[in-house]
């Protein structure tokens, strides 16, 4: 089964395509417009191209948006929610047979053996995500692509994809 794993943001979205347990392709979509809606359009347009290239994707695994207390302002949280909704609408309208799963960051990191929890700051996790991808797949990528690859890795290597609410 082919899946598309996404670490979505309005400025830089990492993506990774897996078939069964093999990483097939990956990349990063960037948008620089000051206009949020234009950035969201660019993200969904480019993701649409990825889905057209890999026509047999059955599932999209998308990092769930969860506000981090005192670290993320409400404007950023809303922008990420808008992007998540735009992706869901684009998939619904153009690829209605593709299922979308949402996974929390602590769940996919746990599946990859990356420790999270009390006292662990988000900025300290990005280098660990990159190091995980380097050690597991032998490739050097930026943090957005690393997160997408790790999200996909967690999905294909976890039989119980239950959300970890810790």
Protein backbone atom coordinates (compact mmCIF):
# COMPACT_ATOMS: atom_id res chain seq x y z
CA UNK A 1 0.00 0.00 0.00
CA UNK A 2 1.25 3.49 -0.81
CA UNK A 3 0.95 6.29 1.71
CA UNK A 4 1.78 9.98 1.65
CA UNK A 5 3.10 11.33 4.95
CA UNK A 6 2.95 15.08 5.56
CA UNK A 7 4.48 17.53 7.97
CA UNK A 8 2.31 20.42 6.86
CA UNK A 9 2.85 24.10 7.49
CA UNK A 10 1.90 27.17 5.53
CA UNK A 11 5.51 28.06 4.73
CA UNK A 12 7.27 24.69 4.39
CA UNK A 13 5.54 21.33 4.01
CA UNK A 14 7.60 18.15 4.05
CA UNK A 15 6.20 15.13 2.25
CA UNK A 16 7.23 11.50 1.86
CA UNK A 17 5.77 8.66 -0.20
CA UNK A 18 6.10 5.08 1.05
CA UNK A 19 5.14 1.83 -0.58
CA UNK A 20 4.74 -0.84 2.06
CA UNK A 21 7.99 -0.33 4.05
CA UNK A 22 10.03 1.36 1.30
CA UNK A 23 10.59 5.10 1.08
CA UNK A 24 9.94 5.95 -2.58
CA UNK A 25 10.21 9.72 -2.76
CA UNK A 26 10.25 12.82 -0.62
CA UNK A 27 10.40 16.57 -0.92
CA UNK A 28 9.53 19.94 0.50
CA UNK A 29 7.05 22.52 -0.72
CA UNK A 30 7.80 26.10 0.24
CA UNK A 31 5.71 29.25 0.00
CA UNK A 32 6.91 32.76 0.69
CA UNK A 33 3.89 34.98 0.08
CA UNK A 34 2.86 37.28 2.89
CA UNK A 35 -0.73 36.28 2.07
CA UNK A 36 -1.79 33.22 4.09
CA UNK A 37 -4.45 32.13 1.60
CA UNK A 38 -1.94 32.26 -1.29
CA UNK A 39 0.47 30.09 0.72
CA UNK A 40 -2.29 27.58 1.47
CA UNK A 41 -3.26 27.50 -2.23
CA UNK A 42 0.36 26.82 -3.17
CA UNK A 43 0.59 23.98 -0.65
CA UNK A 44 -2.61 22.30 -1.83
CA UNK A 45 -1.75 22.82 -5.52
CA UNK A 46 1.68 21.21 -5.05
CA UNK A 47 0.28 18.36 -2.94
CA UNK A 48 -2.28 17.79 -5.68
CA UNK A 49 0.66 17.32 -8.11
CA UNK A 50 2.25 14.75 -5.79
CA UNK A 51 -1.05 12.86 -5.61
CA UNK A 52 -1.38 12.96 -9.40
CA UNK A 53 2.15 11.58 -9.77
CA UNK A 54 1.49 8.73 -7.31
CA UNK A 55 -2.03 7.80 -8.39
CA UNK A 56 -2.25 4.71 -6.22
CA UNK A 57 -1.82 6.36 -2.81
CA UNK A 58 -4.40 4.90 -0.45
CA UNK A 59 -3.75 6.94 2.67
CA UNK A 60 -2.41 10.30 3.75
CA UNK A 61 -0.91 10.53 7.23
CA UNK A 62 -0.91 14.10 8.44
CA UNK A 63 0.55 15.49 11.63
CA UNK A 64 -2.31 16.64 13.83
CA UNK A 65 -2.36 20.29 14.82
CA UNK A 66 -2.08 20.68 18.55
CA UNK A 67 -1.30 24.01 20.18
CA UNK A 68 1.76 23.92 22.35
CA UNK A 69 1.08 25.82 25.53
CA UNK A 70 2.73 29.23 25.53
CA UNK A 71 4.86 28.31 22.48
CA UNK A 72 2.44 28.80 19.63
CA UNK A 73 0.28 31.82 19.19
CA UNK A 74 -3.36 31.55 18.21
CA UNK A 75 -2.71 33.07 14.76
CA UNK A 76 -0.23 30.28 13.91
CA UNK A 77 -2.57 27.64 15.29
CA UNK A 78 -5.46 28.94 13.17
CA UNK A 79 -3.27 29.07 10.03
CA UNK A 80 -2.27 25.43 10.53
CA UNK A 81 -5.90 24.45 11.06
CA UNK A 82 -6.88 26.28 7.85
CA UNK A 83 -4.17 24.41 5.95
CA UNK A 84 -5.28 21.08 7.40
CA UNK A 85 -8.86 21.83 6.34
CA UNK A 86 -7.75 22.93 2.85
CA UNK A 87 -5.82 19.68 2.41
CA UNK A 88 -8.85 17.65 3.53
CA UNK A 89 -11.12 19.53 1.10
CA UNK A 90 -8.66 19.15 -1.80
CA UNK A 91 -8.38 15.41 -1.14
CA UNK A 92 -12.14 15.03 -0.77
CA UNK A 93 -12.81 16.90 -4.02
CA UNK A 94 -10.09 15.30 -6.16
CA UNK A 95 -9.12 11.98 -4.56
CA UNK A 96 -12.22 10.81 -2.70
CA UNK A 97 -10.91 7.26 -2.18
CA UNK A 98 -7.86 8.40 -0.23
CA UNK A 99 -8.22 8.12 3.53
CA UNK A 100 -6.63 10.72 5.82
CA UNK A 101 -5.23 9.74 9.21
CA UNK A 102 -4.02 12.27 11.76
CA UNK A 103 -1.22 11.51 14.18
CA UNK A 104 0.10 13.56 17.08
CA UNK A 105 3.79 14.47 17.14
CA UNK A 106 4.45 12.58 20.38
CA UNK A 107 2.88 9.42 18.86
CA UNK A 108 5.01 9.30 15.72
CA UNK A 109 8.16 10.26 17.62
CA UNK A 110 7.53 7.51 20.16
CA UNK A 111 7.18 5.00 17.31
CA UNK A 112 10.55 6.21 16.00
CA UNK A 113 12.20 5.94 19.43
CA UNK A 114 12.51 9.71 19.89
CA UNK A 115 11.85 10.71 23.50
CA UNK A 116 9.28 13.42 24.12
CA UNK A 117 7.45 14.54 27.20
CA UNK A 118 7.87 16.85 30.13
CA UNK A 119 10.83 19.18 29.79
CA UNK A 120 11.60 18.27 26.18
CA UNK A 121 11.43 21.39 24.02
CA UNK A 122 10.21 21.31 20.40
CA UNK A 123 13.40 22.94 19.07
CA UNK A 124 15.52 20.16 20.60
CA UNK A 125 13.48 17.52 18.74
CA UNK A 126 14.16 18.74 15.18
CA UNK A 127 17.86 17.68 15.19
CA UNK A 128 16.81 14.30 16.62
CA UNK A 129 14.26 13.86 13.82
CA UNK A 130 16.95 14.64 11.22
CA UNK A 131 19.39 12.24 12.91
CA UNK A 132 16.72 9.50 12.97
CA UNK A 133 16.20 9.81 9.20
CA UNK A 134 19.97 9.84 8.58
CA UNK A 135 20.46 6.71 10.70
CA UNK A 136 17.42 4.87 9.34
CA UNK A 137 17.40 5.87 5.67
CA UNK A 138 20.95 7.16 5.12
CA UNK A 139 19.85 10.52 3.74
CA UNK A 140 20.44 14.12 4.76
CA UNK A 141 17.26 16.21 4.70
CA UNK A 142 15.85 19.33 6.30
CA UNK A 143 13.64 19.14 9.39
CA UNK A 144 10.35 19.32 7.46
CA UNK A 145 11.24 16.40 5.21
CA UNK A 146 12.69 14.51 8.19
CA UNK A 147 9.42 14.91 10.06
CA UNK A 148 7.40 13.70 7.05
CA UNK A 149 9.65 10.67 6.62
CA UNK A 150 9.47 9.88 10.33
CA UNK A 151 5.66 10.23 10.29
CA UNK A 152 5.52 7.77 7.40
CA UNK A 153 8.03 5.46 9.09
CA UNK A 154 5.91 5.43 12.24
CA UNK A 155 2.79 4.67 10.22
CA UNK A 156 4.26 1.74 8.30
CA UNK A 157 6.04 0.26 11.32
CA UNK A 158 3.28 0.55 13.89
CA UNK A 159 0.56 -2.06 13.92
CA UNK A 160 -1.45 -0.22 16.56
CA UNK A 161 -1.82 3.35 15.33
CA UNK A 162 -3.79 4.40 18.37
CA UNK A 163 -3.28 8.02 19.41
CA UNK A 164 -0.98 8.47 22.40
CA UNK A 165 -2.63 11.13 24.57
CA UNK A 166 0.40 11.62 26.86
